Amino acid sequence: MFNRTCEPSAMINSTMNEAAWTQTSHVLEESLRRHLKVTLHLAGAEPEQEIRGFVTVINTYLEEIKFRAEDEWLWIKFSSIASAHT
């Protein structure tokens, strides 16, 4: 059975439905576990921002991920992620 480590907060539930967040969190976890490169679409960016890289840390307490894109490290809040795919 799938155990979600990226548990969405009430704030995330209001911007993304449960099924969409389940799919997104699965992609983030697979990137972390298997070192897979993923593409993130960030919410609130105009125009929509898309970044590609690897998830290196999932911090469920602060509800954020550490993401390595190119030669830079970014901390991205769960609430800023609109979607993720491989």
PDB file of N, CA and C in Angstrom:
ATOM      1  N   MET A   1       0.840  -1.191   0.000  1.00  0.00           N
ATOM      2  CA  MET A   1       0.000   0.000   0.000  1.00  0.00           C
ATOM      3  C   MET A   1       0.875   1.239   0.000  1.00  0.00           C
ATOM      4  N   PHE A   2       0.440   2.255  -0.688  1.00  0.00           N
ATOM      5  CA  PHE A   2       1.179   3.508  -0.815  1.00  0.00           C
ATOM      6  C   PHE A   2       1.036   4.336   0.450  1.00  0.00           C
ATOM      7  N   ASN A   3       2.147   4.764   1.011  1.00  0.00           N
ATOM      8  CA  ASN A   3       2.143   5.583   2.219  1.00  0.00           C
ATOM      9  C   ASN A   3       2.586   6.994   1.849  1.00  0.00           C
ATOM     10  N   ARG A   4       1.667   7.929   1.899  1.00  0.00           N
ATOM     11  CA  ARG A   4       1.998   9.298   1.508  1.00  0.00           C
ATOM     12  C   ARG A   4       2.824   9.976   2.585  1.00  0.00           C
ATOM     13  N   THR A   5       4.034  10.396   2.225  1.00  0.00           N
ATOM     14  CA  THR A   5       4.844  11.177   3.155  1.00  0.00           C
ATOM     15  C   THR A   5       4.630  12.664   2.927  1.00  0.00           C
ATOM     16  N   CYS A   6       4.106  13.018   1.777  1.00  0.00           N
ATOM     17  CA  CYS A   6       3.822  14.419   1.468  1.00  0.00           C
ATOM     18  C   CYS A   6       2.359  14.696   1.803  1.00  0.00           C
ATOM     19  N   GLU A   7       1.999  14.582   3.049  1.00  0.00           N
ATOM     20  CA  GLU A   7       0.606  14.746   3.468  1.00  0.00           C
ATOM     21  C   GLU A   7       0.180  16.204   3.277  1.00  0.00           C
ATOM     22  N   PRO A   8      -0.871  16.472   2.497  1.00  0.00           N
ATOM     23  CA  PRO A   8      -1.284  17.850   2.265  1.00  0.00           C
ATOM     24  C   PRO A   8      -1.957  18.479   3.482  1.00  0.00           C
ATOM     25  N   SER A   9      -1.707  19.743   3.653  1.00  0.00           N
ATOM     26  CA  SER A   9      -2.373  20.482   4.730  1.00  0.00           C
ATOM     27  C   SER A   9      -3.738  20.961   4.240  1.00  0.00           C
ATOM     28  N   ALA A  10      -4.496  21.574   5.119  1.00  0.00           N
ATOM     29  CA  ALA A  10      -5.805  22.126   4.745  1.00  0.00           C
ATOM     30  C   ALA A  10      -5.649  23.184   3.662  1.00  0.00           C
ATOM     31  N   MET A  11      -4.554  23.951   3.700  1.00  0.00           N
ATOM     32  CA  MET A  11      -4.325  24.997   2.710  1.00  0.00           C
ATOM     33  C   MET A  11      -4.154  24.375   1.321  1.00  0.00           C
ATOM     34  N   ILE A  12      -3.423  23.289   1.225  1.00  0.00           N
ATOM     35  CA  ILE A  12      -3.206  22.645  -0.060  1.00  0.00           C
ATOM     36  C   ILE A  12      -4.508  22.054  -0.573  1.00  0.00           C
ATOM     37  N   ASN A  13      -5.319  21.472   0.313  1.00  0.00           N
ATOM     38  CA  ASN A  13      -6.594  20.904  -0.106  1.00  0.00           C
ATOM     39  C   ASN A  13      -7.490  21.934  -0.766  1.00  0.00           C
ATOM     40  N   SER A  14      -7.372  23.200  -0.378  1.00  0.00           N
ATOM     41  CA  SER A  14      -8.224  24.227  -0.963  1.00  0.00           C
ATOM     42  C   SER A  14      -7.763  24.615  -2.364  1.00  0.00           C
ATOM     43  N   THR A  15      -6.482  24.361  -2.717  1.00  0.00           N
ATOM     44  CA  THR A  15      -5.991  24.741  -4.036  1.00  0.00           C
ATOM     45  C   THR A  15      -5.830  23.554  -4.972  1.00  0.00           C
ATOM     46  N   MET A  16      -5.765  22.342  -4.439  1.00  0.00           N
ATOM     47  CA  MET A  16      -5.570  21.151  -5.248  1.00  0.00           C
ATOM     48  C   MET A  16      -6.408  20.029  -4.640  1.00  0.00           C
ATOM     49  N   ASN A  17      -7.158  19.321  -5.457  1.00  0.00           N
ATOM     50  CA  ASN A  17      -7.980  18.246  -4.898  1.00  0.00           C
ATOM     51  C   ASN A  17      -7.103  17.083  -4.439  1.00  0.00           C
ATOM     52  N   GLU A  18      -7.677  16.230  -3.624  1.00  0.00           N
ATOM     53  CA  GLU A  18      -6.940  15.116  -3.003  1.00  0.00           C
ATOM     54  C   GLU A  18      -6.314  14.192  -4.042  1.00  0.00           C
ATOM     55  N   ALA A  19      -7.046  13.850  -5.086  1.00  0.00           N
ATOM     56  CA  ALA A  19      -6.519  12.942  -6.110  1.00  0.00           C
ATOM     57  C   ALA A  19      -5.329  13.556  -6.834  1.00  0.00           C
ATOM     58  N   ALA A  20      -5.418  14.833  -7.144  1.00  0.00           N
ATOM     59  CA  ALA A  20      -4.310  15.514  -7.829  1.00  0.00           C
ATOM     60  C   ALA A  20      -3.085  15.567  -6.932  1.00  0.00           C
ATOM     61  N   TRP A  21      -3.282  15.866  -5.626  1.00  0.00           N
ATOM     62  CA  TRP A  21      -2.129  15.918  -4.730  1.00  0.00           C
ATOM     63  C   TRP A  21      -1.539  14.518  -4.516  1.00  0.00           C
ATOM     64  N   THR A  22      -2.371  13.488  -4.480  1.00  0.00           N
ATOM     65  CA  THR A  22      -1.868  12.116  -4.344  1.00  0.00           C
ATOM     66  C   THR A  22      -0.941  11.787  -5.504  1.00  0.00           C
ATOM     67  N   GLN A  23      -1.349  12.113  -6.706  1.00  0.00           N
ATOM     68  CA  GLN A  23      -0.523  11.858  -7.897  1.00  0.00           C
ATOM     69  C   GLN A  23       0.773  12.672  -7.841  1.00  0.00           C
ATOM     70  N   THR A  24       0.670  13.949  -7.493  1.00  0.00           N
ATOM     71  CA  THR A  24       1.841  14.819  -7.411  1.00  0.00           C
ATOM     72  C   THR A  24       2.810  14.328  -6.346  1.00  0.00           C
ATOM     73  N   SER A  25       2.303  13.979  -5.170  1.00  0.00           N
ATOM     74  CA  SER A  25       3.181  13.523  -4.093  1.00  0.00           C
ATOM     75  C   SER A  25       3.862  12.210  -4.463  1.00  0.00           C
ATOM     76  N   HIS A  26       3.169  11.354  -5.202  1.00  0.00           N
ATOM     77  CA  HIS A  26       3.773  10.099  -5.655  1.00  0.00           C
ATOM     78  C   HIS A  26       4.973  10.385  -6.574  1.00  0.00           C
ATOM     79  N   VAL A  27       4.830  11.325  -7.484  1.00  0.00           N
ATOM     80  CA  VAL A  27       5.923  11.699  -8.389  1.00  0.00           C
ATOM     81  C   VAL A  27       7.098  12.267  -7.600  1.00  0.00           C
ATOM     82  N   LEU A  28       6.827  13.124  -6.608  1.00  0.00           N
ATOM     83  CA  LEU A  28       7.895  13.703  -5.789  1.00  0.00           C
ATOM     84  C   LEU A  28       8.641  12.619  -5.019  1.00  0.00           C
ATOM     85  N   GLU A  29       7.906  11.686  -4.432  1.00  0.00           N
ATOM     86  CA  GLU A  29       8.515  10.599  -3.668  1.00  0.00           C
ATOM     87  C   GLU A  29       9.348   9.677  -4.551  1.00  0.00           C
ATOM     88  N   GLU A  30       8.872   9.396  -5.756  1.00  0.00           N
ATOM     89  CA  GLU A  30       9.634   8.559  -6.685  1.00  0.00           C
ATOM     90  C   GLU A  30      10.924   9.258  -7.109  1.00  0.00           C
ATOM     91  N   SER A  31      10.870  10.562  -7.304  1.00  0.00           N
ATOM     92  CA  SER A  31      12.079  11.309  -7.639  1.00  0.00           C
ATOM     93  C   SER A  31      13.103  11.192  -6.513  1.00  0.00           C
ATOM     94  N   LEU A  32      12.630  11.311  -5.273  1.00  0.00           N
ATOM     95  CA  LEU A  32      13.524  11.200  -4.117  1.00  0.00           C
ATOM     96  C   LEU A  32      14.101   9.787  -3.999  1.00  0.00           C
ATOM     97  N   ARG A  33      13.249   8.783  -4.054  1.00  0.00           N
ATOM     98  CA  ARG A  33      13.681   7.393  -3.853  1.00  0.00           C
ATOM     99  C   ARG A  33      14.569   6.856  -4.965  1.00  0.00           C
ATOM    100  N   ARG A  34      14.190   7.159  -6.204  1.00  0.00           N
ATOM    101  CA  ARG A  34      14.865   6.540  -7.347  1.00  0.00           C
ATOM    102  C   ARG A  34      15.764   7.506  -8.114  1.00  0.00           C
ATOM    103  N   HIS A  35      15.902   8.728  -7.610  1.00  0.00           N
ATOM    104  CA  HIS A  35      16.713   9.769  -8.250  1.00  0.00           C
ATOM    105  C   HIS A  35      16.273   9.989  -9.699  1.00  0.00           C
ATOM    106  N   LEU A  36      14.955  10.156  -9.859  1.00  0.00           N
ATOM    107  CA  LEU A  36      14.381  10.411 -11.176  1.00  0.00           C
ATOM    108  C   LEU A  36      14.250  11.903 -11.409  1.00  0.00           C
ATOM    109  N   LYS A  37      14.539  12.331 -12.610  1.00  0.00           N
ATOM    110  CA  LYS A  37      14.358  13.734 -12.966  1.00  0.00           C
ATOM    111  C   LYS A  37      12.872  13.985 -13.211  1.00  0.00           C
ATOM    112  N   VAL A  38      12.344  15.052 -12.622  1.00  0.00           N
ATOM    113  CA  VAL A  38      10.928  15.396 -12.766  1.00  0.00           C
ATOM    114  C   VAL A  38      10.776  16.842 -13.203  1.00  0.00           C
ATOM    115  N   THR A  39       9.616  17.150 -13.734  1.00  0.00           N
ATOM    116  CA  THR A  39       9.266  18.520 -14.101  1.00  0.00           C
ATOM    117  C   THR A  39       8.189  19.004 -13.152  1.00  0.00           C
ATOM    118  N   LEU A  40       8.420  20.156 -12.530  1.00  0.00           N
ATOM    119  CA  LEU A  40       7.434  20.768 -11.644  1.00  0.00           C
ATOM    120  C   LEU A  40       6.810  21.964 -12.334  1.00  0.00           C
ATOM    121  N   HIS A  41       5.504  22.091 -12.212  1.00  0.00           N
ATOM    122  CA  HIS A  41       4.778  23.281 -12.657  1.00  0.00           C
ATOM    123  C   HIS A  41       4.419  24.025 -11.376  1.00  0.00           C
ATOM    124  N   LEU A  42       4.861  25.271 -11.273  1.00  0.00           N
ATOM    125  CA  LEU A  42       4.658  26.035 -10.044  1.00  0.00           C
ATOM    126  C   LEU A  42       3.424  26.904 -10.141  1.00  0.00           C
ATOM    127  N   ALA A  43       2.608  26.876  -9.100  1.00  0.00           N
ATOM    128  CA  ALA A  43       1.371  27.659  -9.031  1.00  0.00           C
ATOM    129  C   ALA A  43       1.702  29.111  -8.724  1.00  0.00           C
ATOM    130  N   GLY A  44       0.894  30.002  -9.240  1.00  0.00           N
ATOM    131  CA  GLY A  44       1.030  31.418  -8.932  1.00  0.00           C
ATOM    132  C   GLY A  44       2.081  32.139  -9.748  1.00  0.00           C
ATOM    133  N   ALA A  45       2.837  31.425 -10.553  1.00  0.00           N
ATOM    134  CA  ALA A  45       3.847  32.070 -11.391  1.00  0.00           C
ATOM    135  C   ALA A  45       3.188  32.499 -12.705  1.00  0.00           C
ATOM    136  N   GLU A  46       3.425  33.710 -13.105  1.00  0.00           N
ATOM    137  CA  GLU A  46       2.877  34.212 -14.367  1.00  0.00           C
ATOM    138  C   GLU A  46       4.010  34.604 -15.285  1.00  0.00           C
ATOM    139  N   PRO A  47       4.190  34.031 -16.455  1.00  0.00           N
ATOM    140  CA  PRO A  47       3.451  32.863 -16.897  1.00  0.00           C
ATOM    141  C   PRO A  47       3.846  31.648 -16.063  1.00  0.00           C
ATOM    142  N   GLU A  48       3.106  30.567 -16.218  1.00  0.00           N
ATOM    143  CA  GLU A  48       3.369  29.377 -15.413  1.00  0.00           C
ATOM    144  C   GLU A  48       4.840  28.977 -15.541  1.00  0.00           C
ATOM    145  N   GLN A  49       5.478  28.814 -14.401  1.00  0.00           N
ATOM    146  CA  GLN A  49       6.888  28.449 -14.380  1.00  0.00           C
ATOM    147  C   GLN A  49       7.035  26.935 -14.343  1.00  0.00           C
ATOM    148  N   GLU A  50       7.967  26.438 -15.126  1.00  0.00           N
ATOM    149  CA  GLU A  50       8.238  25.007 -15.187  1.00  0.00           C
ATOM    150  C   GLU A  50       9.725  24.811 -14.921  1.00  0.00           C
ATOM    151  N   ILE A  51      10.058  23.930 -13.965  1.00  0.00           N
ATOM    152  CA  ILE A  51      11.462  23.641 -13.677  1.00  0.00           C
ATOM    153  C   ILE A  51      11.680  22.136 -13.695  1.00  0.00           C
ATOM    154  N   ARG A  52      12.874  21.734 -14.079  1.00  0.00           N
ATOM    155  CA  ARG A  52      13.190  20.306 -14.187  1.00  0.00           C
ATOM    156  C   ARG A  52      14.394  19.999 -13.315  1.00  0.00           C
ATOM    157  N   GLY A  53      14.308  18.902 -12.560  1.00  0.00           N
ATOM    158  CA  GLY A  53      15.412  18.514 -11.703  1.00  0.00           C
ATOM    159  C   GLY A  53      15.047  17.338 -10.827  1.00  0.00           C
ATOM    160  N   PHE A  54      15.707  17.256  -9.653  1.00  0.00           N
ATOM    161  CA  PHE A  54      15.566  16.131  -8.738  1.00  0.00           C
ATOM    162  C   PHE A  54      15.106  16.588  -7.366  1.00  0.00           C
ATOM    163  N   VAL A  55      14.224  15.822  -6.732  1.00  0.00           N
ATOM    164  CA  VAL A  55      13.855  16.055  -5.340  1.00  0.00           C
ATOM    165  C   VAL A  55      14.955  15.421  -4.491  1.00  0.00           C
ATOM    166  N   THR A  56      15.516  16.209  -3.552  1.00  0.00           N
ATOM    167  CA  THR A  56      16.592  15.688  -2.697  1.00  0.00           C
ATOM    168  C   THR A  56      16.159  15.564  -1.244  1.00  0.00           C
ATOM    169  N   VAL A  57      15.133  16.311  -0.831  1.00  0.00           N
ATOM    170  CA  VAL A  57      14.612  16.246   0.539  1.00  0.00           C
ATOM    171  C   VAL A  57      13.115  16.519   0.483  1.00  0.00           C
ATOM    172  N   ILE A  58      12.342  15.776   1.280  1.00  0.00           N
ATOM    173  CA  ILE A  58      10.922  16.086   1.486  1.00  0.00           C
ATOM    174  C   ILE A  58      10.761  16.382   2.970  1.00  0.00           C
ATOM    175  N   ASN A  59      10.438  17.629   3.300  1.00  0.00           N
ATOM    176  CA  ASN A  59      10.272  18.051   4.685  1.00  0.00           C
ATOM    177  C   ASN A  59       8.775  18.202   4.954  1.00  0.00           C
ATOM    178  N   THR A  60       8.181  17.187   5.591  1.00  0.00           N
ATOM    179  CA  THR A  60       6.738  17.220   5.836  1.00  0.00           C
ATOM    180  C   THR A  60       6.359  18.189   6.952  1.00  0.00           C
ATOM    181  N   TYR A  61       7.276  18.451   7.873  1.00  0.00           N
ATOM    182  CA  TYR A  61       6.983  19.381   8.960  1.00  0.00           C
ATOM    183  C   TYR A  61       6.810  20.804   8.429  1.00  0.00           C
ATOM    184  N   LEU A  62       7.725  21.237   7.554  1.00  0.00           N
ATOM    185  CA  LEU A  62       7.638  22.585   6.978  1.00  0.00           C
ATOM    186  C   LEU A  62       6.876  22.603   5.652  1.00  0.00           C
ATOM    187  N   GLU A  63       6.417  21.408   5.208  1.00  0.00           N
ATOM    188  CA  GLU A  63       5.657  21.270   3.967  1.00  0.00           C
ATOM    189  C   GLU A  63       6.390  21.879   2.779  1.00  0.00           C
ATOM    190  N   GLU A  64       7.610  21.344   2.544  1.00  0.00           N
ATOM    191  CA  GLU A  64       8.411  21.822   1.432  1.00  0.00           C
ATOM    192  C   GLU A  64       9.349  20.718   0.954  1.00  0.00           C
ATOM    193  N   ILE A  65       9.862  20.915  -0.254  1.00  0.00           N
ATOM    194  CA  ILE A  65      10.855  20.001  -0.791  1.00  0.00           C
ATOM    195  C   ILE A  65      12.115  20.787  -1.112  1.00  0.00           C
ATOM    196  N   LYS A  66      13.238  20.090  -1.079  1.00  0.00           N
ATOM    197  CA  LYS A  66      14.485  20.665  -1.573  1.00  0.00           C
ATOM    198  C   LYS A  66      14.672  20.085  -2.963  1.00  0.00           C
ATOM    199  N   PHE A  67      14.871  20.964  -3.932  1.00  0.00           N
ATOM    200  CA  PHE A  67      14.858  20.577  -5.340  1.00  0.00           C
ATOM    201  C   PHE A  67      16.145  21.040  -5.992  1.00  0.00           C
ATOM    202  N   ARG A  68      16.793  20.135  -6.707  1.00  0.00           N
ATOM    203  CA  ARG A  68      18.018  20.491  -7.426  1.00  0.00           C
ATOM    204  C   ARG A  68      17.679  20.641  -8.898  1.00  0.00           C
ATOM    205  N   ALA A  69      17.782  21.878  -9.368  1.00  0.00           N
ATOM    206  CA  ALA A  69      17.532  22.195 -10.770  1.00  0.00           C
ATOM    207  C   ALA A  69      18.804  22.808 -11.338  1.00  0.00           C
ATOM    208  N   GLU A  70      19.368  22.148 -12.361  1.00  0.00           N
ATOM    209  CA  GLU A  70      20.629  22.600 -12.952  1.00  0.00           C
ATOM    210  C   GLU A  70      21.701  22.657 -11.861  1.00  0.00           C
ATOM    211  N   ASP A  71      22.277  23.833 -11.632  1.00  0.00           N
ATOM    212  CA  ASP A  71      23.330  23.986 -10.622  1.00  0.00           C
ATOM    213  C   ASP A  71      22.853  24.751  -9.398  1.00  0.00           C
ATOM    214  N   GLU A  72      21.555  24.780  -9.164  1.00  0.00           N
ATOM    215  CA  GLU A  72      21.037  25.506  -8.011  1.00  0.00           C
ATOM    216  C   GLU A  72      20.111  24.618  -7.183  1.00  0.00           C
ATOM    217  N   TRP A  73      19.999  24.945  -5.900  1.00  0.00           N
ATOM    218  CA  TRP A  73      19.119  24.254  -4.955  1.00  0.00           C
ATOM    219  C   TRP A  73      17.985  25.195  -4.606  1.00  0.00           C
ATOM    220  N   LEU A  74      16.768  24.683  -4.603  1.00  0.00           N
ATOM    221  CA  LEU A  74      15.592  25.490  -4.282  1.00  0.00           C
ATOM    222  C   LEU A  74      14.781  24.798  -3.200  1.00  0.00           C
ATOM    223  N   TRP A  75      14.249  25.575  -2.260  1.00  0.00           N
ATOM    224  CA  TRP A  75      13.253  25.067  -1.314  1.00  0.00           C
ATOM    225  C   TRP A  75      11.911  25.505  -1.861  1.00  0.00           C
ATOM    226  N   ILE A  76      11.025  24.551  -2.125  1.00  0.00           N
ATOM    227  CA  ILE A  76       9.725  24.836  -2.732  1.00  0.00           C
ATOM    228  C   ILE A  76       8.625  24.325  -1.812  1.00  0.00           C
ATOM    229  N   LYS A  77       7.715  25.199  -1.430  1.00  0.00           N
ATOM    230  CA  LYS A  77       6.574  24.830  -0.581  1.00  0.00           C
ATOM    231  C   LYS A  77       5.616  23.934  -1.361  1.00  0.00           C
ATOM    232  N   PHE A  78       5.008  22.967  -0.652  1.00  0.00           N
ATOM    233  CA  PHE A  78       4.018  22.099  -1.278  1.00  0.00           C
ATOM    234  C   PHE A  78       2.932  22.939  -1.960  1.00  0.00           C
ATOM    235  N   SER A  79       2.523  23.998  -1.305  1.00  0.00           N
ATOM    236  CA  SER A  79       1.429  24.831  -1.834  1.00  0.00           C
ATOM    237  C   SER A  79       1.800  25.552  -3.130  1.00  0.00           C
ATOM    238  N   SER A  80       3.098  25.613  -3.463  1.00  0.00           N
ATOM    239  CA  SER A  80       3.536  26.268  -4.698  1.00  0.00           C
ATOM    240  C   SER A  80       3.574  25.313  -5.878  1.00  0.00           C
ATOM    241  N   ILE A  81       3.375  24.027  -5.639  1.00  0.00           N
ATOM    242  CA  ILE A  81       3.468  23.031  -6.703  1.00  0.00           C
ATOM    243  C   ILE A  81       2.081  22.784  -7.284  1.00  0.00           C
ATOM    244  N   ALA A  82       1.917  23.127  -8.560  1.00  0.00           N
ATOM    245  CA  ALA A  82       0.636  22.905  -9.248  1.00  0.00           C
ATOM    246  C   ALA A  82       0.543  21.474  -9.754  1.00  0.00           C
ATOM    247  N   SER A  83       1.669  20.925 -10.248  1.00  0.00           N
ATOM    248  CA  SER A  83       1.706  19.536 -10.707  1.00  0.00           C
ATOM    249  C   SER A  83       3.152  19.113 -10.892  1.00  0.00           C
ATOM    250  N   ALA A  84       3.345  17.805 -11.018  1.00  0.00           N
ATOM    251  CA  ALA A  84       4.678  17.242 -11.241  1.00  0.00           C
ATOM    252  C   ALA A  84       4.533  16.012 -12.132  1.00  0.00           C
ATOM    253  N   HIS A  85       5.506  15.834 -13.013  1.00  0.00           N
ATOM    254  CA  HIS A  85       5.519  14.634 -13.859  1.00  0.00           C
ATOM    255  C   HIS A  85       6.943  14.280 -14.236  1.00  0.00           C
ATOM    256  N   THR A  86       7.133  13.012 -14.626  1.00  0.00           N
ATOM    257  CA  THR A  86       8.469  12.539 -15.009  1.00  0.00           C
ATOM    258  C   THR A  86       8.737  12.854 -16.455  1.00  0.00           C
TER     259      THR A  86
END
